[in-house]
Amino acid sequence: MADAFYVLIFYVFGYRRKVVKENLLNAFPEKSITEIKSIEKKFYQFLASLFIEVIKMKRISKKELSKRVVFKNADLVEAYLQNKESVILCSAHFGNYEWVCMAIGLTFSGKHYPIYKPLSSDAFDNWFLDMRSRFGNQMVSMRQTLRAIQASKNEATLFTFGSDQAPSKEDSTYWTTFLNQESSIQLGVEKIAKKTNRPVFYLKINTVKRGYYEVDCVPICLNPAETAAFEITELHTHFLEDMIKDAPAYWLWSHRRWKYKRPPKRVEAVSEDQSMMDATV
């Protein structure tokens, strides 16, 4: 089914091929056109499989999901939960992030709160919420994050953030270089981590083969309160960048990640007297 769907979205309908090609060319200017085309095809093959796997979320059993999504170093996270401490998990639109999110609810003892951005279509949003909420996950919309953290402050919890989600134009206040481009980055992970001093782990997803994934729980910041401004943001942003460079076909290149551009820096007006003084100096 995935092979047939690949032919449809790549050759017949050309689903977002212009967006994908532009993103790849901008992200990897050092690669040849042949290399870019190879990544593009592998991405669409994976996207086709991902689409079928998302449909399977509705009926997949706990046993089947546990076989297909295996965690490494889960004990590092579980140690905090057993000590009645909460943890922040960073994820991204990489590999089958949907299955990984579902499997977290089966793997760890603490309550799991995945943070999500509601879809514009209520019908699709409700459909995804129903599937994502299986196996113990308690979905929280982005704007309700602080309320959910406050309500669960006396419990050992896991809050999972999609760290590659681009902020809105109005919320684009921090910019850094990501995949060779100026990119606005969500600051939610850092703000909450520093405020609560919860350790931050990155979920490094490796596609073993079609339909099978290995997730390494990598600690990237265990004492957030002691970090400098934007240090955590840079850590999780460039951790993902390294993941993408190692296996570029498994990131969601069809996402319009760079639709907002960094505004030009404001140049303050200088008085005539000040200009003359500067010239004299």
Protein backbone atom coordinates (compact mmCIF):
# COMPACT_ATOMS: atom_id res chain seq x y z
CA MET A 1 0.00 0.00 0.00
CA ALA A 2 2.80 2.41 0.86
CA ASP A 3 4.59 1.68 -2.44
CA ALA A 4 1.41 2.44 -4.39
CA PHE A 5 0.81 5.59 -2.39
CA TYR A 6 4.39 6.72 -3.09
CA VAL A 7 3.75 6.55 -6.84
CA LEU A 8 0.62 8.68 -6.40
CA ILE A 9 2.08 11.44 -4.22
CA PHE A 10 5.44 11.64 -6.01
CA TYR A 11 4.77 10.94 -9.68
CA VAL A 12 1.05 11.55 -10.16
CA PHE A 13 0.09 14.40 -7.82
CA GLY A 14 3.56 15.79 -7.05
CA TYR A 15 2.49 16.57 -3.47
CA ARG A 16 4.39 19.68 -2.32
CA ARG A 17 7.38 18.77 -4.47
CA LYS A 18 8.25 22.43 -4.99
CA VAL A 19 8.33 23.01 -1.22
CA VAL A 20 10.40 19.88 -0.59
CA LYS A 21 12.93 20.65 -3.31
CA GLU A 22 13.34 24.26 -2.17
CA ASN A 23 13.82 23.20 1.45
CA LEU A 24 16.42 20.59 0.51
CA LEU A 25 18.36 22.95 -1.76
CA ASN A 26 18.48 25.63 0.92
CA ALA A 27 19.40 23.20 3.69
CA PHE A 28 22.16 21.42 1.75
CA PRO A 29 23.82 23.89 -0.65
CA GLU A 30 26.94 21.70 -0.66
CA LYS A 31 25.10 18.70 -2.16
CA SER A 32 24.81 18.03 -5.88
CA ILE A 33 21.46 17.96 -7.70
CA THR A 34 21.82 14.18 -7.97
CA GLU A 35 22.18 13.90 -4.18
CA ILE A 36 19.21 16.23 -3.61
CA LYS A 37 17.01 14.16 -5.95
CA SER A 38 18.04 10.97 -4.14
CA ILE A 39 17.09 12.42 -0.74
CA GLU A 40 13.83 13.73 -2.22
CA LYS A 41 12.79 10.28 -3.49
CA LYS A 42 13.74 8.57 -0.24
CA PHE A 43 11.76 11.18 1.67
CA TYR A 44 8.61 10.57 -0.37
CA GLN A 45 9.01 6.81 0.04
CA PHE A 46 9.18 7.33 3.78
CA LEU A 47 6.28 9.82 3.72
CA ALA A 48 4.12 7.23 1.99
CA SER A 49 4.95 4.66 4.67
CA LEU A 50 4.31 7.24 7.39
CA PHE A 51 0.86 7.96 5.97
CA ILE A 52 -0.11 4.28 6.10
CA GLU A 53 1.35 3.92 9.61
CA VAL A 54 -0.68 6.90 10.84
CA ILE A 55 -3.85 5.22 9.60
CA LYS A 56 -2.77 2.08 11.48
CA MET A 57 -2.66 4.08 14.75
CA LYS A 58 -6.42 3.63 15.12
CA ARG A 59 -6.18 -0.15 15.56
CA ILE A 60 -2.60 -0.99 16.47
CA SER A 61 -2.34 -3.03 19.67
CA LYS A 62 -0.08 -2.33 22.63
CA LYS A 63 1.88 -5.49 21.90
CA GLU A 64 2.42 -4.57 18.25
CA LEU A 65 3.42 -0.99 19.02
CA SER A 66 5.88 -2.11 21.70
CA LYS A 67 7.50 -4.43 19.16
CA ARG A 68 7.79 -1.71 16.52
CA VAL A 69 8.97 1.15 18.75
CA VAL A 70 11.81 0.18 21.09
CA PHE A 71 13.39 2.61 23.57
CA LYS A 72 17.06 2.75 24.55
CA ASN A 73 18.21 4.27 27.84
CA ALA A 74 14.63 4.54 29.04
CA ASP A 75 15.95 3.78 32.51
CA LEU A 76 17.66 7.19 32.59
CA VAL A 77 14.28 8.88 32.31
CA GLU A 78 12.47 6.38 34.50
CA ALA A 79 14.94 7.00 37.34
CA TYR A 80 13.64 10.56 37.65
CA LEU A 81 10.02 9.44 37.57
CA GLN A 82 10.62 6.83 40.26
CA ASN A 83 12.13 9.60 42.36
CA LYS A 84 8.88 11.59 41.94
CA GLU A 85 10.57 14.07 39.60
CA SER A 86 9.23 15.28 36.25
CA VAL A 87 11.01 15.28 32.90
CA ILE A 88 10.85 17.25 29.64
CA LEU A 89 11.17 15.33 26.37
CA CYS A 90 12.12 16.97 23.07
CA SER A 91 10.87 15.43 19.85
CA ALA A 92 10.52 16.54 16.22
CA HIS A 93 8.79 15.67 12.95
CA PHE A 94 11.36 12.97 12.38
CA GLY A 95 10.77 9.28 11.73
CA ASN A 96 7.38 8.09 12.88
CA TYR A 97 6.99 10.71 15.59
CA GLU A 98 3.30 9.75 15.95
CA TRP A 99 4.06 6.15 16.93
CA VAL A 100 6.87 7.27 19.21
CA CYS A 101 4.50 9.65 21.02
CA MET A 102 1.97 6.85 21.49
CA ALA A 103 4.66 4.45 22.73
CA ILE A 104 5.82 6.86 25.44
CA GLY A 105 2.54 6.23 27.24
CA LEU A 106 3.36 2.51 27.29
CA THR A 107 7.02 2.80 28.24
CA PHE A 108 7.18 5.13 31.25
CA SER A 109 5.43 5.16 34.61
CA GLY A 110 4.74 8.91 34.79
CA LYS A 111 1.73 10.59 33.21
CA HIS A 112 2.50 11.70 29.67
CA TYR A 113 1.41 15.10 28.36
CA PRO A 114 2.29 15.62 24.66
CA ILE A 115 2.05 19.27 23.63
CA TYR A 116 0.37 19.73 20.26
CA LYS A 117 -0.79 22.48 17.92
CA PRO A 118 -4.53 22.08 17.13
CA LEU A 119 -5.35 21.59 13.45
CA SER A 120 -7.50 24.11 11.60
CA SER A 121 -10.03 21.39 10.73
CA ASP A 122 -12.05 20.34 13.79
CA ALA A 123 -12.87 16.97 12.18
CA PHE A 124 -9.20 16.10 11.57
CA ASP A 125 -8.17 17.52 14.93
CA ASN A 126 -10.67 15.31 16.77
CA TRP A 127 -9.63 12.29 14.71
CA PHE A 128 -5.95 12.77 15.60
CA LEU A 129 -6.75 13.50 19.25
CA ASP A 130 -8.67 10.25 19.51
CA MET A 131 -5.74 8.23 18.15
CA ARG A 132 -3.01 10.12 19.99
CA SER A 133 -4.81 9.75 23.31
CA ARG A 134 -4.63 5.97 23.25
CA PHE A 135 -2.41 4.18 25.76
CA GLY A 136 -2.52 6.86 28.44
CA ASN A 137 -1.45 10.02 26.63
CA GLN A 138 -3.14 13.23 27.79
CA MET A 139 -2.91 15.70 24.92
CA VAL A 140 -2.41 19.38 25.78
CA SER A 141 -2.78 22.23 23.28
CA MET A 142 0.15 24.65 23.15
CA ARG A 143 -1.79 27.49 24.78
CA GLN A 144 -2.77 25.27 27.71
CA THR A 145 0.78 24.12 28.53
CA LEU A 146 1.38 26.29 31.61
CA ARG A 147 -2.03 25.41 33.03
CA ALA A 148 -1.34 21.67 32.59
CA ILE A 149 2.07 22.00 34.25
CA GLN A 150 0.57 23.84 37.19
CA ALA A 151 -2.24 21.31 37.56
CA SER A 152 0.20 18.37 37.59
CA LYS A 153 3.02 19.93 39.61
CA ASN A 154 2.66 17.40 42.45
CA GLU A 155 2.97 14.39 40.13
CA ALA A 156 5.85 12.78 38.26
CA THR A 157 5.12 13.69 34.64
CA LEU A 158 6.57 13.73 31.13
CA PHE A 159 5.87 16.73 28.92
CA THR A 160 6.83 16.15 25.28
CA PHE A 161 7.47 19.09 22.96
CA GLY A 162 7.82 19.14 19.18
CA SER A 163 10.90 21.35 19.20
CA ASP A 164 11.02 21.91 15.42
CA GLN A 165 7.56 23.48 15.23
CA ALA A 166 8.01 27.02 13.90
CA PRO A 167 6.45 29.74 16.08
CA SER A 168 3.90 32.16 14.68
CA LYS A 169 5.13 35.35 13.06
CA GLU A 170 4.21 37.32 16.18
CA ASP A 171 6.03 34.87 18.48
CA SER A 172 9.19 34.70 16.36
CA THR A 173 11.47 36.45 18.82
CA TYR A 174 14.54 34.21 18.80
CA TRP A 175 16.44 33.39 15.64
CA THR A 176 19.40 31.13 14.99
CA THR A 177 21.01 29.29 12.08
CA PHE A 178 19.35 25.93 11.50
CA LEU A 179 20.05 23.86 8.37
CA ASN A 180 21.93 26.73 6.75
CA GLN A 181 19.02 29.15 7.16
CA GLU A 182 17.96 31.82 9.64
CA SER A 183 15.19 30.14 11.61
CA SER A 184 12.83 31.25 14.36
CA ILE A 185 12.74 28.78 17.25
CA GLN A 186 10.12 28.01 19.88
CA LEU A 187 11.29 29.02 23.34
CA GLY A 188 8.76 26.95 25.29
CA VAL A 189 11.15 24.10 26.14
CA GLU A 190 13.77 26.44 27.55
CA LYS A 191 11.35 28.67 29.46
CA ILE A 192 9.66 25.76 31.21
CA ALA A 193 12.89 23.84 31.81
CA LYS A 194 14.60 26.83 33.44
CA LYS A 195 11.53 27.76 35.49
CA THR A 196 10.95 24.22 36.82
CA ASN A 197 14.53 22.89 36.58
CA ARG A 198 13.25 19.71 34.96
CA PRO A 199 15.89 17.67 33.09
CA VAL A 200 15.64 17.73 29.31
CA PHE A 201 16.03 14.59 27.17
CA TYR A 202 16.00 14.39 23.40
CA LEU A 203 14.23 11.48 21.72
CA LYS A 204 16.68 10.44 19.02
CA ILE A 205 14.63 8.41 16.55
CA ASN A 206 16.35 5.88 14.32
CA THR A 207 14.46 4.14 11.51
CA VAL A 208 15.65 0.53 11.71
CA LYS A 209 13.58 -0.58 8.73
CA ARG A 210 10.12 0.11 7.36
CA GLY A 211 7.71 0.20 10.30
CA TYR A 212 10.35 -0.34 13.00
CA TYR A 213 11.95 2.39 15.11
CA GLU A 214 14.52 2.68 17.87
CA VAL A 215 14.34 5.68 20.21
CA ASP A 216 17.39 6.69 22.23
CA CYS A 217 16.63 8.87 25.28
CA VAL A 218 19.58 11.27 25.21
CA PRO A 219 20.10 13.70 28.14
CA ILE A 220 20.96 17.13 26.72
CA CYS A 221 20.51 19.25 29.86
CA LEU A 222 20.14 17.90 33.40
CA ASN A 223 20.38 21.20 35.30
CA PRO A 224 18.44 23.79 33.27
CA ALA A 225 18.41 26.40 36.04
CA GLU A 226 22.19 26.72 35.72
CA THR A 227 22.24 27.36 31.96
CA ALA A 228 22.78 30.64 30.15
CA ALA A 229 20.05 32.38 28.16
CA PHE A 230 19.10 30.42 25.01
CA GLU A 231 21.62 27.67 25.79
CA ILE A 232 18.94 24.96 25.95
CA THR A 233 17.31 26.27 22.78
CA GLU A 234 20.61 26.03 20.92
CA LEU A 235 21.26 22.56 22.33
CA HIS A 236 18.00 20.98 21.17
CA THR A 237 18.01 22.85 17.84
CA HIS A 238 21.45 21.65 16.83
CA PHE A 239 20.87 18.16 18.21
CA LEU A 240 18.01 17.87 15.71
CA GLU A 241 20.17 19.39 12.98
CA ASP A 242 22.74 16.64 13.48
CA MET A 243 19.99 14.00 13.35
CA ILE A 244 18.73 15.39 10.06
CA LYS A 245 22.20 15.55 8.53
CA ASP A 246 22.82 11.91 9.47
CA ALA A 247 19.53 10.68 7.95
CA PRO A 248 17.93 13.50 5.90
CA ALA A 249 15.16 11.41 4.34
CA TYR A 250 13.28 11.04 7.64
CA TRP A 251 12.51 14.68 8.47
CA LEU A 252 9.25 16.29 7.32
CA TRP A 253 10.56 18.34 4.39
CA SER A 254 7.03 19.02 3.12
CA HIS A 255 6.47 21.26 6.17
CA ARG A 256 6.69 25.00 5.37
CA ARG A 257 9.25 25.54 8.10
CA TRP A 258 10.70 28.78 6.73
CA LYS A 259 7.62 30.67 5.53
CA TYR A 260 8.44 33.57 7.86
CA LYS A 261 11.65 35.48 7.34
CA ARG A 262 13.64 37.31 9.95
CA PRO A 263 12.64 41.00 9.94
CA PRO A 264 15.41 43.46 9.12
CA LYS A 265 17.15 45.05 12.07
CA ARG A 266 15.87 48.49 12.94
CA VAL A 267 18.29 51.35 12.39
CA GLU A 268 17.78 54.14 14.87
CA ALA A 269 17.66 57.66 13.45
CA VAL A 270 20.72 59.72 14.35
CA SER A 271 20.46 63.46 14.90
CA GLU A 272 22.51 65.87 12.80
CA ASP A 273 24.47 66.99 15.86
CA GLN A 274 25.27 63.37 16.81
CA SER A 275 26.41 62.64 13.25
CA MET A 276 28.77 65.59 13.30
CA MET A 277 30.15 64.52 16.67
CA ASP A 278 30.76 60.97 15.41
CA ALA A 279 32.50 62.33 12.33
CA THR A 280 34.73 64.53 14.49
CA VAL A 281 35.73 61.59 16.68
